[in-house]
Protein backbone atom coordinates (compact mmCIF):
# COMPACT_ATOMS: atom_id res chain seq x y z
CA MET A 1 -35.88 20.25 -8.53
CA VAL A 2 -35.63 16.57 -7.65
CA LYS A 3 -34.43 15.91 -4.09
CA ARG A 4 -31.61 13.36 -4.08
CA CYS A 5 -29.31 11.95 -1.42
CA THR A 6 -26.79 14.60 -0.35
CA TRP A 7 -23.80 12.51 -1.54
CA VAL A 8 -24.87 12.93 -5.17
CA ASP A 9 -22.84 15.48 -7.09
CA GLU A 10 -25.61 17.37 -8.88
CA LYS A 11 -23.12 18.53 -11.54
CA SER A 12 -22.27 14.95 -12.51
CA GLU A 13 -24.73 13.34 -14.92
CA ILE A 14 -23.12 9.91 -14.42
CA TYR A 15 -23.57 10.18 -10.64
CA LYS A 16 -27.17 11.40 -10.92
CA ASP A 17 -28.03 8.63 -13.38
CA TYR A 18 -26.44 5.96 -11.17
CA HIS A 19 -28.27 7.25 -8.09
CA ASP A 20 -31.62 7.70 -9.81
CA HIS A 21 -31.77 4.41 -11.74
CA GLU A 22 -29.47 1.90 -10.09
CA TRP A 23 -28.17 2.53 -6.56
CA GLY A 24 -30.36 0.93 -3.94
CA ARG A 25 -32.59 -0.90 -6.42
CA PRO A 26 -32.92 -4.61 -5.57
CA VAL A 27 -30.83 -6.85 -7.82
CA TYR A 28 -31.49 -10.60 -8.04
CA ASP A 29 -29.71 -11.43 -11.29
CA ASP A 30 -26.37 -13.17 -10.71
CA GLU A 31 -24.71 -11.47 -13.69
CA LYS A 32 -25.58 -8.02 -12.38
CA LEU A 33 -24.71 -9.04 -8.82
CA TYR A 34 -21.29 -10.16 -10.06
CA GLU A 35 -20.70 -6.97 -12.05
CA MET A 36 -21.39 -4.85 -8.99
CA PHE A 37 -19.30 -7.17 -6.82
CA LEU A 38 -16.27 -6.85 -9.08
CA LEU A 39 -16.65 -3.07 -9.31
CA GLU A 40 -17.02 -2.69 -5.54
CA THR A 41 -13.88 -4.73 -4.89
CA PHE A 42 -11.93 -2.49 -7.26
CA GLN A 43 -13.40 0.59 -5.58
CA ALA A 44 -11.82 -0.28 -2.21
CA GLY A 45 -9.77 2.74 -1.19
CA LEU A 46 -10.98 4.87 -4.11
CA SER A 47 -13.98 7.08 -4.80
CA TRP A 48 -17.02 5.53 -6.43
CA ILE A 49 -17.11 8.20 -9.13
CA THR A 50 -13.70 6.93 -10.29
CA ILE A 51 -15.21 3.49 -10.81
CA LEU A 52 -18.33 4.84 -12.51
CA LYS A 53 -16.21 6.77 -14.99
CA LYS A 54 -14.21 3.61 -15.75
CA ARG A 55 -17.17 1.22 -15.73
CA GLU A 56 -17.38 0.72 -19.49
CA ALA A 57 -13.62 0.17 -19.67
CA PHE A 58 -13.92 -2.44 -16.91
CA LYS A 59 -16.75 -4.10 -18.79
CA GLU A 60 -14.64 -4.35 -21.92
CA ALA A 61 -11.44 -5.39 -20.12
CA PHE A 62 -13.19 -8.01 -17.99
CA ASP A 63 -15.10 -9.76 -20.78
CA GLN A 64 -18.49 -8.15 -20.09
CA PHE A 65 -18.13 -9.25 -16.43
CA ASP A 66 -18.38 -12.92 -17.44
CA VAL A 67 -17.53 -14.66 -14.17
CA LYS A 68 -16.66 -17.95 -15.92
CA LYS A 69 -14.15 -16.27 -18.22
CA ILE A 70 -12.63 -14.20 -15.40
CA ALA A 71 -12.14 -17.33 -13.28
CA GLN A 72 -10.00 -18.73 -16.10
CA TYR A 73 -7.71 -15.73 -16.62
CA ASP A 74 -4.06 -16.60 -17.09
CA GLU A 75 -0.83 -14.61 -16.84
CA ILE A 76 -1.22 -13.30 -20.40
CA LYS A 77 -4.62 -11.81 -19.53
CA VAL A 78 -3.31 -10.47 -16.22
CA THR A 79 -0.47 -8.73 -18.06
CA ALA A 80 -2.95 -7.24 -20.51
CA LEU A 81 -5.07 -5.93 -17.62
CA LEU A 82 -2.02 -4.48 -15.89
CA ASN A 83 -1.18 -2.63 -19.10
CA ASN A 84 -4.73 -1.33 -19.64
CA GLU A 85 -4.59 2.37 -18.73
CA LYS A 86 -8.40 2.64 -18.80
CA ILE A 87 -8.94 0.55 -15.63
CA ILE A 88 -7.52 0.37 -12.09
CA ARG A 89 -4.23 -1.44 -12.61
CA SER A 90 -3.71 -3.03 -9.23
CA LYS A 91 -2.01 -6.41 -9.42
CA ARG A 92 -3.50 -7.40 -6.06
CA LYS A 93 -7.03 -6.43 -7.08
CA ILE A 94 -6.74 -8.20 -10.43
CA ALA A 95 -5.48 -11.37 -8.71
CA ALA A 96 -8.33 -11.06 -6.20
CA ALA A 97 -10.85 -10.66 -9.04
CA ILE A 98 -9.75 -13.98 -10.52
CA LYS A 99 -9.77 -15.79 -7.17
CA ASN A 100 -13.07 -14.18 -6.15
CA ALA A 101 -14.67 -15.23 -9.46
CA LYS A 102 -13.86 -18.86 -8.71
CA ILE A 103 -15.32 -18.55 -5.21
CA PHE A 104 -18.38 -16.70 -6.56
CA MET A 105 -19.03 -19.73 -8.80
CA ASP A 106 -18.48 -22.10 -5.86
CA ILE A 107 -21.15 -20.15 -3.97
CA GLN A 108 -23.48 -20.40 -6.98
CA ASN A 109 -22.99 -24.16 -7.03
CA GLU A 110 -23.54 -24.47 -3.28
CA PHE A 111 -26.66 -22.28 -3.05
CA GLY A 112 -28.11 -22.58 -6.56
CA SER A 113 -27.31 -18.91 -7.23
CA PHE A 114 -25.28 -16.11 -5.71
CA SER A 115 -28.57 -14.24 -5.36
CA LYS A 116 -29.96 -16.90 -3.00
CA TYR A 117 -26.75 -16.77 -0.99
CA ILE A 118 -26.50 -12.98 -0.61
CA TRP A 119 -30.22 -12.31 -0.11
CA GLY A 120 -30.39 -15.17 2.38
CA PHE A 121 -28.43 -13.09 4.89
CA SER A 122 -31.38 -10.67 5.13
CA ASN A 123 -34.06 -13.37 4.84
CA ASN A 124 -34.81 -11.97 1.38
CA GLN A 125 -35.85 -8.65 2.91
CA ILE A 126 -34.73 -5.15 1.98
CA ILE A 127 -33.25 -3.41 5.00
CA LYS A 128 -34.53 0.15 4.89
CA ASN A 129 -32.75 3.18 6.25
CA ILE A 130 -34.84 4.61 9.06
CA ASP A 131 -32.74 7.68 9.77
CA ASP A 132 -30.25 9.88 8.00
CA ASN A 133 -27.22 8.72 9.95
CA PHE A 134 -24.58 7.70 7.47
CA LYS A 135 -23.24 4.22 8.06
CA THR A 136 -20.29 2.49 6.48
CA THR A 137 -20.74 -0.94 8.09
CA SER A 138 -23.40 -2.94 9.88
CA LYS A 139 -23.78 -6.28 11.63
CA LEU A 140 -25.00 -7.63 8.30
CA SER A 141 -21.97 -6.40 6.35
CA ASP A 142 -19.69 -7.76 9.11
CA GLU A 143 -21.36 -11.16 8.88
CA ILE A 144 -21.19 -11.38 5.08
CA SER A 145 -17.63 -10.03 4.99
CA ASN A 146 -16.52 -12.66 7.51
CA ASP A 147 -18.23 -15.43 5.56
CA LEU A 148 -16.67 -14.36 2.26
CA LYS A 149 -13.23 -14.12 3.86
CA LYS A 150 -13.63 -17.63 5.32
CA ARG A 151 -14.39 -18.82 1.81
CA GLY A 152 -11.11 -17.23 0.65
CA MET A 153 -12.21 -13.99 -0.99
CA SER A 154 -10.14 -10.80 -0.88
CA PHE A 155 -11.04 -7.08 -0.86
CA VAL A 156 -14.30 -7.93 0.89
CA GLY A 157 -13.98 -5.97 4.11
CA SER A 158 -17.11 -4.85 5.92
CA ILE A 159 -17.03 -1.34 4.38
CA THR A 160 -16.78 -2.75 0.85
CA ILE A 161 -19.56 -5.24 1.54
CA TYR A 162 -21.78 -2.54 3.05
CA SER A 163 -21.28 -0.46 -0.11
CA TYR A 164 -22.14 -3.54 -2.16
CA LEU A 165 -25.31 -4.17 -0.15
CA GLN A 166 -26.34 -0.56 -0.76
CA ALA A 167 -25.56 -0.78 -4.47
CA VAL A 168 -27.60 -3.97 -5.05
CA GLY A 169 -30.54 -2.84 -2.94
CA ILE A 170 -30.30 -5.25 -0.02
CA VAL A 171 -29.80 -2.14 2.08
CA ASN A 172 -31.89 0.85 1.03
CA ASP A 173 -29.81 3.72 2.36
CA HIS A 174 -31.47 6.47 0.37
CA GLU A 175 -31.95 9.45 2.65
CA LEU A 176 -35.47 9.87 4.00
CA ASN A 177 -36.19 12.96 1.88
CA CYS A 178 -34.69 11.47 -1.31
CA PHE A 179 -37.18 10.80 -4.08
CA CYS A 180 -35.82 7.23 -4.40
CA TYR A 181 -36.40 6.32 -0.75
CA ASN A 182 -39.81 4.72 -1.31
CA LYS A 183 -39.18 3.27 -4.77
């Protein structure tokens, strides 16, 4: 049997697939970085499995995670999202998604890409877990969270940002005995 991180529900194929093929793998593509960013901001206060189960619905509802389209959403689109039973229908999170998309693009313009911006905080290095103590924040997530908040983003607290950093592989928090730890 494959040894995975203890948080993985071994009965859930979607969780196993996400862990085995995506979580903790370095992402440099702005489109993928934005997809994960939007999903993480909607996850705030909820379980990640809820988001994974709704991921395809989010992709469809949010125009394939097209940041340029999302930045232009109007009240008609917001109403449609609020009426979409397949996604998280939080008016505050939807409004934040639109505002955050605009700021995401501002960051792309300022740094050349969001990837350069986000990876710059770790000097383009993967920060590897060196013990099995479970963290929910770090100095790095505090720093990035504070910077994003100063830029005007919402739903980007340190816990959310730490989860994001784990998801996109800036922080490799696979447990030491997990088969993904050294990948």
